[in-house]
Amino acid sequence: MSTFVRVPYRGRIPLTRAALMHRDRFRCAYCAARAETIDHVVPRSKGGQHTWENTVACCARCNHRKADKLLSELGWRLRVVPRTPRGQHWRLLAGVPDADPQWLPYLGEPAA
């Protein structure tokens, strides 16, 4: 066979609220409480980009306290360094808020 109709490719996983919450397992990147919002680690007003590496799930309390500040200004640290997710399972599970914990060993890469 020499003709391919649809060749699989590695596309980028779009940065959406649902995918970001899934990556961070619906936990705040600063205090581990239930996340309700999204935060830019380096605020966009200070040159931060809207990328996987600069966005984290965040509870409303931490997001309000952090406001437009850098982590170094507050003396805060991230629980886990954010990164771009990889793997096809991210496309499938991005909209699933609470995946069954029994699935985790089969999903490959752990959340960031």
PDB file of N, CA and C in Angstrom:
ATOM      1  N   MET A   1       0.847  -1.169   0.000  1.00  0.00           N
ATOM      2  CA  MET A   1       0.000   0.000   0.000  1.00  0.00           C
ATOM      3  C   MET A   1       0.897   1.237   0.000  1.00  0.00           C
ATOM      4  N   SER A   2       0.625   2.151  -0.882  1.00  0.00           N
ATOM      5  CA  SER A   2       1.438   3.362  -0.958  1.00  0.00           C
ATOM      6  C   SER A   2       0.615   4.634  -0.896  1.00  0.00           C
ATOM      7  N   THR A   3      -0.692   4.519  -0.807  1.00  0.00           N
ATOM      8  CA  THR A   3      -1.548   5.698  -0.740  1.00  0.00           C
ATOM      9  C   THR A   3      -2.164   5.798   0.656  1.00  0.00           C
ATOM     10  N   PHE A   4      -1.959   6.937   1.279  1.00  0.00           N
ATOM     11  CA  PHE A   4      -2.514   7.172   2.608  1.00  0.00           C
ATOM     12  C   PHE A   4      -3.627   8.201   2.505  1.00  0.00           C
ATOM     13  N   VAL A   5      -4.770   7.878   3.040  1.00  0.00           N
ATOM     14  CA  VAL A   5      -5.893   8.809   3.003  1.00  0.00           C
ATOM     15  C   VAL A   5      -5.794   9.791   4.160  1.00  0.00           C
ATOM     16  N   ARG A   6      -5.590   9.285   5.356  1.00  0.00           N
ATOM     17  CA  ARG A   6      -5.452  10.147   6.536  1.00  0.00           C
ATOM     18  C   ARG A   6      -4.238   9.699   7.329  1.00  0.00           C
ATOM     19  N   VAL A   7      -3.237  10.514   7.333  1.00  0.00           N
ATOM     20  CA  VAL A   7      -2.022  10.199   8.068  1.00  0.00           C
ATOM     21  C   VAL A   7      -2.124  10.826   9.453  1.00  0.00           C
ATOM     22  N   PRO A   8      -1.975  10.033  10.511  1.00  0.00           N
ATOM     23  CA  PRO A   8      -2.028  10.625  11.853  1.00  0.00           C
ATOM     24  C   PRO A   8      -0.885  11.624  12.045  1.00  0.00           C
ATOM     25  N   TYR A   9      -1.157  12.671  12.745  1.00  0.00           N
ATOM     26  CA  TYR A   9      -0.132  13.670  13.014  1.00  0.00           C
ATOM     27  C   TYR A   9      -0.217  14.074  14.473  1.00  0.00           C
ATOM     28  N   ARG A  10       0.843  14.679  14.927  1.00  0.00           N
ATOM     29  CA  ARG A  10       0.863  15.166  16.308  1.00  0.00           C
ATOM     30  C   ARG A  10       0.474  16.633  16.300  1.00  0.00           C
ATOM     31  N   GLY A  11      -0.764  16.898  16.542  1.00  0.00           N
ATOM     32  CA  GLY A  11      -1.209  18.275  16.620  1.00  0.00           C
ATOM     33  C   GLY A  11      -1.030  18.809  18.027  1.00  0.00           C
ATOM     34  N   ARG A  12      -0.985  20.116  18.128  1.00  0.00           N
ATOM     35  CA  ARG A  12      -0.902  20.725  19.455  1.00  0.00           C
ATOM     36  C   ARG A  12      -2.234  20.570  20.163  1.00  0.00           C
ATOM     37  N   ILE A  13      -2.172  20.413  21.440  1.00  0.00           N
ATOM     38  CA  ILE A  13      -3.387  20.318  22.235  1.00  0.00           C
ATOM     39  C   ILE A  13      -3.793  21.741  22.588  1.00  0.00           C
ATOM     40  N   PRO A  14      -5.003  22.151  22.188  1.00  0.00           N
ATOM     41  CA  PRO A  14      -5.405  23.537  22.427  1.00  0.00           C
ATOM     42  C   PRO A  14      -5.519  23.852  23.915  1.00  0.00           C
ATOM     43  N   LEU A  15      -5.118  25.061  24.267  1.00  0.00           N
ATOM     44  CA  LEU A  15      -5.206  25.524  25.651  1.00  0.00           C
ATOM     45  C   LEU A  15      -6.626  26.021  25.896  1.00  0.00           C
ATOM     46  N   THR A  16      -7.415  25.186  26.539  1.00  0.00           N
ATOM     47  CA  THR A  16      -8.786  25.548  26.893  1.00  0.00           C
ATOM     48  C   THR A  16      -8.932  25.451  28.409  1.00  0.00           C
ATOM     49  N   ARG A  17      -9.959  26.072  28.912  1.00  0.00           N
ATOM     50  CA  ARG A  17     -10.215  26.015  30.354  1.00  0.00           C
ATOM     51  C   ARG A  17     -10.390  24.563  30.815  1.00  0.00           C
ATOM     52  N   ALA A  18     -11.176  23.798  30.063  1.00  0.00           N
ATOM     53  CA  ALA A  18     -11.431  22.403  30.434  1.00  0.00           C
ATOM     54  C   ALA A  18     -10.142  21.584  30.435  1.00  0.00           C
ATOM     55  N   ALA A  19      -9.314  21.753  29.412  1.00  0.00           N
ATOM     56  CA  ALA A  19      -8.061  20.997  29.324  1.00  0.00           C
ATOM     57  C   ALA A  19      -7.106  21.405  30.445  1.00  0.00           C
ATOM     58  N   LEU A  20      -7.056  22.695  30.748  1.00  0.00           N
ATOM     59  CA  LEU A  20      -6.170  23.175  31.815  1.00  0.00           C
ATOM     60  C   LEU A  20      -6.609  22.630  33.175  1.00  0.00           C
ATOM     61  N   MET A  21      -7.912  22.657  33.424  1.00  0.00           N
ATOM     62  CA  MET A  21      -8.420  22.123  34.690  1.00  0.00           C
ATOM     63  C   MET A  21      -8.127  20.625  34.797  1.00  0.00           C
ATOM     64  N   HIS A  22      -8.268  19.918  33.699  1.00  0.00           N
ATOM     65  CA  HIS A  22      -7.967  18.478  33.703  1.00  0.00           C
ATOM     66  C   HIS A  22      -6.483  18.242  33.974  1.00  0.00           C
ATOM     67  N   ARG A  23      -5.617  19.019  33.320  1.00  0.00           N
ATOM     68  CA  ARG A  23      -4.173  18.860  33.527  1.00  0.00           C
ATOM     69  C   ARG A  23      -3.817  19.029  35.002  1.00  0.00           C
ATOM     70  N   ASP A  24      -4.410  20.024  35.649  1.00  0.00           N
ATOM     71  CA  ASP A  24      -4.103  20.322  37.051  1.00  0.00           C
ATOM     72  C   ASP A  24      -5.029  19.588  38.022  1.00  0.00           C
ATOM     73  N   ARG A  25      -5.849  18.711  37.477  1.00  0.00           N
ATOM     74  CA  ARG A  25      -6.774  17.882  38.261  1.00  0.00           C
ATOM     75  C   ARG A  25      -7.694  18.695  39.165  1.00  0.00           C
ATOM     76  N   PHE A  26      -8.104  19.842  38.664  1.00  0.00           N
ATOM     77  CA  PHE A  26      -9.056  20.708  39.363  1.00  0.00           C
ATOM     78  C   PHE A  26      -8.568  21.120  40.743  1.00  0.00           C
ATOM     79  N   ARG A  27      -7.254  21.276  40.890  1.00  0.00           N
ATOM     80  CA  ARG A  27      -6.653  21.702  42.155  1.00  0.00           C
ATOM     81  C   ARG A  27      -5.848  22.970  41.941  1.00  0.00           C
ATOM     82  N   CYS A  28      -5.912  23.870  42.911  1.00  0.00           N
ATOM     83  CA  CYS A  28      -5.175  25.127  42.858  1.00  0.00           C
ATOM     84  C   CYS A  28      -3.672  24.843  42.837  1.00  0.00           C
ATOM     85  N   ALA A  29      -2.962  25.534  41.971  1.00  0.00           N
ATOM     86  CA  ALA A  29      -1.513  25.353  41.842  1.00  0.00           C
ATOM     87  C   ALA A  29      -0.753  25.922  43.029  1.00  0.00           C
ATOM     88  N   TYR A  30      -1.422  26.730  43.863  1.00  0.00           N
ATOM     89  CA  TYR A  30      -0.749  27.367  44.989  1.00  0.00           C
ATOM     90  C   TYR A  30      -1.080  26.712  46.328  1.00  0.00           C
ATOM     91  N   CYS A  31      -2.357  26.342  46.540  1.00  0.00           N
ATOM     92  CA  CYS A  31      -2.745  25.827  47.862  1.00  0.00           C
ATOM     93  C   CYS A  31      -3.412  24.453  47.819  1.00  0.00           C
ATOM     94  N   ALA A  32      -3.657  23.911  46.650  1.00  0.00           N
ATOM     95  CA  ALA A  32      -4.270  22.588  46.448  1.00  0.00           C
ATOM     96  C   ALA A  32      -5.768  22.540  46.756  1.00  0.00           C
ATOM     97  N   ALA A  33      -6.398  23.689  46.985  1.00  0.00           N
ATOM     98  CA  ALA A  33      -7.851  23.710  47.163  1.00  0.00           C
ATOM     99  C   ALA A  33      -8.517  23.458  45.806  1.00  0.00           C
ATOM    100  N   ARG A  34      -9.819  23.273  45.804  1.00  0.00           N
ATOM    101  CA  ARG A  34     -10.555  23.065  44.554  1.00  0.00           C
ATOM    102  C   ARG A  34     -10.419  24.320  43.692  1.00  0.00           C
ATOM    103  N   ALA A  35      -9.994  24.149  42.448  1.00  0.00           N
ATOM    104  CA  ALA A  35      -9.774  25.287  41.545  1.00  0.00           C
ATOM    105  C   ALA A  35     -11.069  25.680  40.847  1.00  0.00           C
ATOM    106  N   GLU A  36     -11.279  26.996  40.750  1.00  0.00           N
ATOM    107  CA  GLU A  36     -12.446  27.519  40.043  1.00  0.00           C
ATOM    108  C   GLU A  36     -12.043  28.461  38.919  1.00  0.00           C
ATOM    109  N   THR A  37     -10.817  28.960  38.954  1.00  0.00           N
ATOM    110  CA  THR A  37     -10.383  29.962  37.985  1.00  0.00           C
ATOM    111  C   THR A  37      -9.052  29.552  37.357  1.00  0.00           C
ATOM    112  N   ILE A  38      -8.631  30.355  36.401  1.00  0.00           N
ATOM    113  CA  ILE A  38      -7.339  30.157  35.740  1.00  0.00           C
ATOM    114  C   ILE A  38      -6.477  31.373  36.035  1.00  0.00           C
ATOM    115  N   ASP A  39      -5.192  31.145  36.290  1.00  0.00           N
ATOM    116  CA  ASP A  39      -4.272  32.233  36.609  1.00  0.00           C
ATOM    117  C   ASP A  39      -3.050  32.163  35.707  1.00  0.00           C
ATOM    118  N   HIS A  40      -2.554  33.326  35.310  1.00  0.00           N
ATOM    119  CA  HIS A  40      -1.285  33.415  34.592  1.00  0.00           C
ATOM    120  C   HIS A  40      -0.187  33.569  35.640  1.00  0.00           C
ATOM    121  N   VAL A  41       0.768  32.656  35.655  1.00  0.00           N
ATOM    122  CA  VAL A  41       1.848  32.685  36.642  1.00  0.00           C
ATOM    123  C   VAL A  41       2.580  34.014  36.546  1.00  0.00           C
ATOM    124  N   VAL A  42       3.020  34.372  35.348  1.00  0.00           N
ATOM    125  CA  VAL A  42       3.564  35.709  35.087  1.00  0.00           C
ATOM    126  C   VAL A  42       2.414  36.482  34.452  1.00  0.00           C
ATOM    127  N   PRO A  43       1.881  37.496  35.128  1.00  0.00           N
ATOM    128  CA  PRO A  43       0.719  38.216  34.605  1.00  0.00           C
ATOM    129  C   PRO A  43       0.950  38.736  33.187  1.00  0.00           C
ATOM    130  N   ARG A  44      -0.100  38.724  32.405  1.00  0.00           N
ATOM    131  CA  ARG A  44       0.009  39.200  31.021  1.00  0.00           C
ATOM    132  C   ARG A  44       0.436  40.661  30.984  1.00  0.00           C
ATOM    133  N   SER A  45       0.040  41.429  31.986  1.00  0.00           N
ATOM    134  CA  SER A  45       0.424  42.844  32.036  1.00  0.00           C
ATOM    135  C   SER A  45       1.924  43.017  32.256  1.00  0.00           C
ATOM    136  N   LYS A  46       2.582  41.947  32.717  1.00  0.00           N
ATOM    137  CA  LYS A  46       4.032  42.007  32.951  1.00  0.00           C
ATOM    138  C   LYS A  46       4.793  41.168  31.932  1.00  0.00           C
ATOM    139  N   GLY A  47       4.160  40.921  30.795  1.00  0.00           N
ATOM    140  CA  GLY A  47       4.834  40.219  29.703  1.00  0.00           C
ATOM    141  C   GLY A  47       4.600  38.728  29.642  1.00  0.00           C
ATOM    142  N   GLY A  48       3.788  38.187  30.525  1.00  0.00           N
ATOM    143  CA  GLY A  48       3.503  36.754  30.502  1.00  0.00           C
ATOM    144  C   GLY A  48       2.641  36.386  29.308  1.00  0.00           C
ATOM    145  N   GLN A  49       2.871  35.227  28.776  1.00  0.00           N
ATOM    146  CA  GLN A  49       2.126  34.757  27.612  1.00  0.00           C
ATOM    147  C   GLN A  49       0.975  33.847  28.041  1.00  0.00           C
ATOM    148  N   HIS A  50       0.009  33.689  27.143  1.00  0.00           N
ATOM    149  CA  HIS A  50      -1.108  32.770  27.385  1.00  0.00           C
ATOM    150  C   HIS A  50      -0.702  31.410  26.814  1.00  0.00           C
ATOM    151  N   THR A  51       0.147  30.692  27.571  1.00  0.00           N
ATOM    152  CA  THR A  51       0.668  29.396  27.144  1.00  0.00           C
ATOM    153  C   THR A  51       0.442  28.370  28.242  1.00  0.00           C
ATOM    154  N   TRP A  52       0.620  27.098  27.888  1.00  0.00           N
ATOM    155  CA  TRP A  52       0.493  26.026  28.867  1.00  0.00           C
ATOM    156  C   TRP A  52       1.461  26.213  30.027  1.00  0.00           C
ATOM    157  N   GLU A  53       2.665  26.691  29.731  1.00  0.00           N
ATOM    158  CA  GLU A  53       3.701  26.820  30.758  1.00  0.00           C
ATOM    159  C   GLU A  53       3.477  28.008  31.688  1.00  0.00           C
ATOM    160  N   ASN A  54       2.572  28.915  31.323  1.00  0.00           N
ATOM    161  CA  ASN A  54       2.344  30.117  32.127  1.00  0.00           C
ATOM    162  C   ASN A  54       0.938  30.184  32.715  1.00  0.00           C
ATOM    163  N   THR A  55       0.129  29.159  32.525  1.00  0.00           N
ATOM    164  CA  THR A  55      -1.228  29.171  33.071  1.00  0.00           C
ATOM    165  C   THR A  55      -1.420  27.979  34.000  1.00  0.00           C
ATOM    166  N   VAL A  56      -2.156  28.224  35.068  1.00  0.00           N
ATOM    167  CA  VAL A  56      -2.438  27.174  36.050  1.00  0.00           C
ATOM    168  C   VAL A  56      -3.872  27.304  36.541  1.00  0.00           C
ATOM    169  N   ALA A  57      -4.408  26.196  37.039  1.00  0.00           N
ATOM    170  CA  ALA A  57      -5.700  26.233  37.711  1.00  0.00           C
ATOM    171  C   ALA A  57      -5.480  26.884  39.073  1.00  0.00           C
ATOM    172  N   CYS A  58      -6.483  27.642  39.525  1.00  0.00           N
ATOM    173  CA  CYS A  58      -6.305  28.417  40.747  1.00  0.00           C
ATOM    174  C   CYS A  58      -7.645  28.578  41.460  1.00  0.00           C
ATOM    175  N   CYS A  59      -7.625  28.535  42.779  1.00  0.00           N
ATOM    176  CA  CYS A  59      -8.850  28.805  43.529  1.00  0.00           C
ATOM    177  C   CYS A  59      -9.094  30.320  43.507  1.00  0.00           C
ATOM    178  N   ALA A  60     -10.328  30.717  43.729  1.00  0.00           N
ATOM    179  CA  ALA A  60     -10.678  32.135  43.670  1.00  0.00           C
ATOM    180  C   ALA A  60      -9.910  32.943  44.718  1.00  0.00           C
ATOM    181  N   ARG A  61      -9.728  32.371  45.905  1.00  0.00           N
ATOM    182  CA  ARG A  61      -9.030  33.085  46.984  1.00  0.00           C
ATOM    183  C   ARG A  61      -7.588  33.408  46.589  1.00  0.00           C
ATOM    184  N   CYS A  62      -6.850  32.410  46.104  1.00  0.00           N
ATOM    185  CA  CYS A  62      -5.449  32.639  45.706  1.00  0.00           C
ATOM    186  C   CYS A  62      -5.365  33.571  44.502  1.00  0.00           C
ATOM    187  N   ASN A  63      -6.283  33.417  43.565  1.00  0.00           N
ATOM    188  CA  ASN A  63      -6.265  34.274  42.383  1.00  0.00           C
ATOM    189  C   ASN A  63      -6.472  35.733  42.784  1.00  0.00           C
ATOM    190  N   HIS A  64      -7.380  35.968  43.724  1.00  0.00           N
ATOM    191  CA  HIS A  64      -7.640  37.331  44.190  1.00  0.00           C
ATOM    192  C   HIS A  64      -6.432  37.881  44.959  1.00  0.00           C
ATOM    193  N   ARG A  65      -5.820  37.065  45.801  1.00  0.00           N
ATOM    194  CA  ARG A  65      -4.655  37.507  46.580  1.00  0.00           C
ATOM    195  C   ARG A  65      -3.447  37.767  45.684  1.00  0.00           C
ATOM    196  N   LYS A  66      -3.267  36.934  44.677  1.00  0.00           N
ATOM    197  CA  LYS A  66      -2.112  37.095  43.788  1.00  0.00           C
ATOM    198  C   LYS A  66      -2.289  38.334  42.915  1.00  0.00           C
ATOM    199  N   ALA A  67      -3.504  38.540  42.453  1.00  0.00           N
ATOM    200  CA  ALA A  67      -3.829  39.699  41.613  1.00  0.00           C
ATOM    201  C   ALA A  67      -2.857  39.831  40.446  1.00  0.00           C
ATOM    202  N   ASP A  68      -2.159  40.963  40.363  1.00  0.00           N
ATOM    203  CA  ASP A  68      -1.278  41.259  39.232  1.00  0.00           C
ATOM    204  C   ASP A  68       0.186  41.195  39.666  1.00  0.00           C
ATOM    205  N   LYS A  69       0.485  40.281  40.571  1.00  0.00           N
ATOM    206  CA  LYS A  69       1.843  40.214  41.125  1.00  0.00           C
ATOM    207  C   LYS A  69       2.578  38.968  40.634  1.00  0.00           C
ATOM    208  N   LEU A  70       3.898  39.023  40.744  1.00  0.00           N
ATOM    209  CA  LEU A  70       4.738  37.864  40.453  1.00  0.00           C
ATOM    210  C   LEU A  70       4.823  36.993  41.702  1.00  0.00           C
ATOM    211  N   LEU A  71       5.114  35.721  41.526  1.00  0.00           N
ATOM    212  CA  LEU A  71       5.246  34.823  42.681  1.00  0.00           C
ATOM    213  C   LEU A  71       6.348  35.288  43.620  1.00  0.00           C
ATOM    214  N   SER A  72       7.427  35.814  43.059  1.00  0.00           N
ATOM    215  CA  SER A  72       8.548  36.277  43.891  1.00  0.00           C
ATOM    216  C   SER A  72       8.150  37.459  44.775  1.00  0.00           C
ATOM    217  N   GLU A  73       7.223  38.274  44.318  1.00  0.00           N
ATOM    218  CA  GLU A  73       6.765  39.411  45.119  1.00  0.00           C
ATOM    219  C   GLU A  73       5.976  38.941  46.342  1.00  0.00           C
ATOM    220  N   LEU A  74       5.314  37.807  46.224  1.00  0.00           N
ATOM    221  CA  LEU A  74       4.494  37.283  47.316  1.00  0.00           C
ATOM    222  C   LEU A  74       5.219  36.238  48.152  1.00  0.00           C
ATOM    223  N   GLY A  75       6.323  35.742  47.644  1.00  0.00           N
ATOM    224  CA  GLY A  75       7.026  34.661  48.328  1.00  0.00           C
ATOM    225  C   GLY A  75       6.337  33.316  48.136  1.00  0.00           C
ATOM    226  N   TRP A  76       5.539  33.191  47.081  1.00  0.00           N
ATOM    227  CA  TRP A  76       4.810  31.962  46.797  1.00  0.00           C
ATOM    228  C   TRP A  76       5.627  31.056  45.887  1.00  0.00           C
ATOM    229  N   ARG A  77       5.268  29.773  45.903  1.00  0.00           N
ATOM    230  CA  ARG A  77       5.856  28.797  44.982  1.00  0.00           C
ATOM    231  C   ARG A  77       4.741  27.950  44.387  1.00  0.00           C
ATOM    232  N   LEU A  78       4.967  27.481  43.178  1.00  0.00           N
ATOM    233  CA  LEU A  78       4.024  26.559  42.553  1.00  0.00           C
ATOM    234  C   LEU A  78       4.208  25.174  43.159  1.00  0.00           C
ATOM    235  N   ARG A  79       3.111  24.458  43.345  1.00  0.00           N
ATOM    236  CA  ARG A  79       3.208  23.082  43.840  1.00  0.00           C
ATOM    237  C   ARG A  79       3.868  22.190  42.792  1.00  0.00           C
ATOM    238  N   VAL A  80       3.532  22.413  41.525  1.00  0.00           N
ATOM    239  CA  VAL A  80       4.078  21.644  40.401  1.00  0.00           C
ATOM    240  C   VAL A  80       4.322  22.612  39.252  1.00  0.00           C
ATOM    241  N   VAL A  81       5.435  22.461  38.564  1.00  0.00           N
ATOM    242  CA  VAL A  81       5.748  23.330  37.426  1.00  0.00           C
ATOM    243  C   VAL A  81       4.808  22.989  36.270  1.00  0.00           C
ATOM    244  N   PRO A  82       4.090  23.980  35.733  1.00  0.00           N
ATOM    245  CA  PRO A  82       3.166  23.697  34.632  1.00  0.00           C
ATOM    246  C   PRO A  82       3.908  23.367  33.342  1.00  0.00           C
ATOM    247  N   ARG A  83       3.333  22.458  32.566  1.00  0.00           N
ATOM    248  CA  ARG A  83       3.934  22.091  31.286  1.00  0.00           C
ATOM    249  C   ARG A  83       2.848  21.736  30.287  1.00  0.00           C
ATOM    250  N   THR A  84       3.235  21.668  29.046  1.00  0.00           N
ATOM    251  CA  THR A  84       2.303  21.316  27.987  1.00  0.00           C
ATOM    252  C   THR A  84       1.993  19.827  28.073  1.00  0.00           C
ATOM    253  N   PRO A  85       0.710  19.462  28.102  1.00  0.00           N
ATOM    254  CA  PRO A  85       0.378  18.034  28.141  1.00  0.00           C
ATOM    255  C   PRO A  85       0.690  17.365  26.806  1.00  0.00           C
ATOM    256  N   ARG A  86       0.981  16.081  26.866  1.00  0.00           N
ATOM    257  CA  ARG A  86       1.249  15.307  25.655  1.00  0.00           C
ATOM    258  C   ARG A  86       0.404  14.044  25.676  1.00  0.00           C
ATOM    259  N   GLY A  87       0.101  13.540  24.516  1.00  0.00           N
ATOM    260  CA  GLY A  87      -0.632  12.281  24.408  1.00  0.00           C
ATOM    261  C   GLY A  87      -2.056  12.489  23.938  1.00  0.00           C
ATOM    262  N   GLN A  88      -2.541  11.502  23.228  1.00  0.00           N
ATOM    263  CA  GLN A  88      -3.885  11.598  22.661  1.00  0.00           C
ATOM    264  C   GLN A  88      -4.976  11.572  23.724  1.00  0.00           C
ATOM    265  N   HIS A  89      -4.705  10.977  24.889  1.00  0.00           N
ATOM    266  CA  HIS A  89      -5.743  10.927  25.917  1.00  0.00           C
ATOM    267  C   HIS A  89      -6.163  12.324  26.359  1.00  0.00           C
ATOM    268  N   TRP A  90      -5.300  13.321  26.199  1.00  0.00           N
ATOM    269  CA  TRP A  90      -5.665  14.690  26.586  1.00  0.00           C
ATOM    270  C   TRP A  90      -6.788  15.212  25.720  1.00  0.00           C
ATOM    271  N   ARG A  91      -6.803  14.842  24.461  1.00  0.00           N
ATOM    272  CA  ARG A  91      -7.884  15.285  23.573  1.00  0.00           C
ATOM    273  C   ARG A  91      -9.214  14.669  24.003  1.00  0.00           C
ATOM    274  N   LEU A  92      -9.161  13.434  24.462  1.00  0.00           N
ATOM    275  CA  LEU A  92     -10.384  12.729  24.830  1.00  0.00           C
ATOM    276  C   LEU A  92     -10.918  13.138  26.196  1.00  0.00           C
ATOM    277  N   LEU A  93     -10.019  13.376  27.141  1.00  0.00           N
ATOM    278  CA  LEU A  93     -10.442  13.606  28.521  1.00  0.00           C
ATOM    279  C   LEU A  93     -10.467  15.063  28.945  1.00  0.00           C
ATOM    280  N   ALA A  94     -10.155  15.982  28.038  1.00  0.00           N
ATOM    281  CA  ALA A  94     -10.092  17.393  28.411  1.00  0.00           C
ATOM    282  C   ALA A  94     -11.418  17.898  28.971  1.00  0.00           C
ATOM    283  N   GLY A  95     -12.525  17.342  28.519  1.00  0.00           N
ATOM    284  CA  GLY A  95     -13.825  17.799  28.988  1.00  0.00           C
ATOM    285  C   GLY A  95     -14.395  16.990  30.135  1.00  0.00           C
ATOM    286  N   VAL A  96     -13.658  15.991  30.627  1.00  0.00           N
ATOM    287  CA  VAL A  96     -14.140  15.154  31.722  1.00  0.00           C
ATOM    288  C   VAL A  96     -13.615  15.726  33.037  1.00  0.00           C
ATOM    289  N   PRO A  97     -14.474  16.316  33.866  1.00  0.00           N
ATOM    290  CA  PRO A  97     -13.987  16.968  35.073  1.00  0.00           C
ATOM    291  C   PRO A  97     -13.341  16.020  36.080  1.00  0.00           C
ATOM    292  N   ASP A  98     -13.929  14.886  36.320  1.00  0.00           N
ATOM    293  CA  ASP A  98     -13.384  13.961  37.316  1.00  0.00           C
ATOM    294  C   ASP A  98     -13.283  12.569  36.713  1.00  0.00           C
ATOM    295  N   ALA A  99     -12.156  12.304  36.063  1.00  0.00           N
ATOM    296  CA  ALA A  99     -11.938  10.979  35.493  1.00  0.00           C
ATOM    297  C   ALA A  99     -11.836   9.964  36.623  1.00  0.00           C
ATOM    298  N   ASP A 100     -12.283   8.773  36.366  1.00  0.00           N
ATOM    299  CA  ASP A 100     -12.221   7.699  37.352  1.00  0.00           C
ATOM    300  C   ASP A 100     -10.769   7.469  37.758  1.00  0.00           C
ATOM    301  N   PRO A 101     -10.444   7.538  39.045  1.00  0.00           N
ATOM    302  CA  PRO A 101      -9.055   7.358  39.489  1.00  0.00           C
ATOM    303  C   PRO A 101      -8.443   6.030  39.046  1.00  0.00           C
ATOM    304  N   GLN A 102      -9.280   5.025  38.802  1.00  0.00           N
ATOM    305  CA  GLN A 102      -8.765   3.736  38.342  1.00  0.00           C
ATOM    306  C   GLN A 102      -8.165   3.834  36.940  1.00  0.00           C
ATOM    307  N   TRP A 103      -8.508   4.880  36.182  1.00  0.00           N
ATOM    308  CA  TRP A 103      -7.981   5.057  34.826  1.00  0.00           C
ATOM    309  C   TRP A 103      -6.544   5.569  34.849  1.00  0.00           C
ATOM    310  N   LEU A 104      -6.147   6.264  35.902  1.00  0.00           N
ATOM    311  CA  LEU A 104      -4.866   6.970  35.921  1.00  0.00           C
ATOM    312  C   LEU A 104      -3.657   6.128  35.518  1.00  0.00           C
ATOM    313  N   PRO A 105      -3.538   4.865  35.940  1.00  0.00           N
ATOM    314  CA  PRO A 105      -2.365   4.090  35.513  1.00  0.00           C
ATOM    315  C   PRO A 105      -2.312   3.870  34.001  1.00  0.00           C
ATOM    316  N   TYR A 106      -3.451   3.973  33.327  1.00  0.00           N
ATOM    317  CA  TYR A 106      -3.509   3.693  31.897  1.00  0.00           C
ATOM    318  C   TYR A 106      -3.425   4.945  31.035  1.00  0.00           C
ATOM    319  N   LEU A 107      -3.429   6.107  31.651  1.00  0.00           N
ATOM    320  CA  LEU A 107      -3.440   7.349  30.891  1.00  0.00           C
ATOM    321  C   LEU A 107      -2.052   7.856  30.550  1.00  0.00           C
ATOM    322  N   GLY A 108      -1.036   7.167  30.957  1.00  0.00           N
ATOM    323  CA  GLY A 108       0.318   7.571  30.596  1.00  0.00           C
ATOM    324  C   GLY A 108       0.824   8.660  31.508  1.00  0.00           C
ATOM    325  N   GLU A 109       1.133   9.787  30.925  1.00  0.00           N
ATOM    326  CA  GLU A 109       1.749  10.909  31.624  1.00  0.00           C
ATOM    327  C   GLU A 109       0.849  11.448  32.723  1.00  0.00           C
ATOM    328  N   PRO A 110       1.379  11.656  33.918  1.00  0.00           N
ATOM    329  CA  PRO A 110       0.576  12.235  34.995  1.00  0.00           C
ATOM    330  C   PRO A 110       0.302  13.710  34.737  1.00  0.00           C
ATOM    331  N   ALA A 111      -0.652  14.250  35.453  1.00  0.00           N
ATOM    332  CA  ALA A 111      -0.957  15.677  35.316  1.00  0.00           C
ATOM    333  C   ALA A 111       0.239  16.489  35.751  1.00  0.00           C
ATOM    334  N   ALA A 112       0.285  17.706  35.254  1.00  0.00           N
ATOM    335  CA  ALA A 112       1.422  18.582  35.579  1.00  0.00           C
ATOM    336  C   ALA A 112       1.395  19.008  37.014  1.00  0.00           C
TER     337      ALA A 112
END
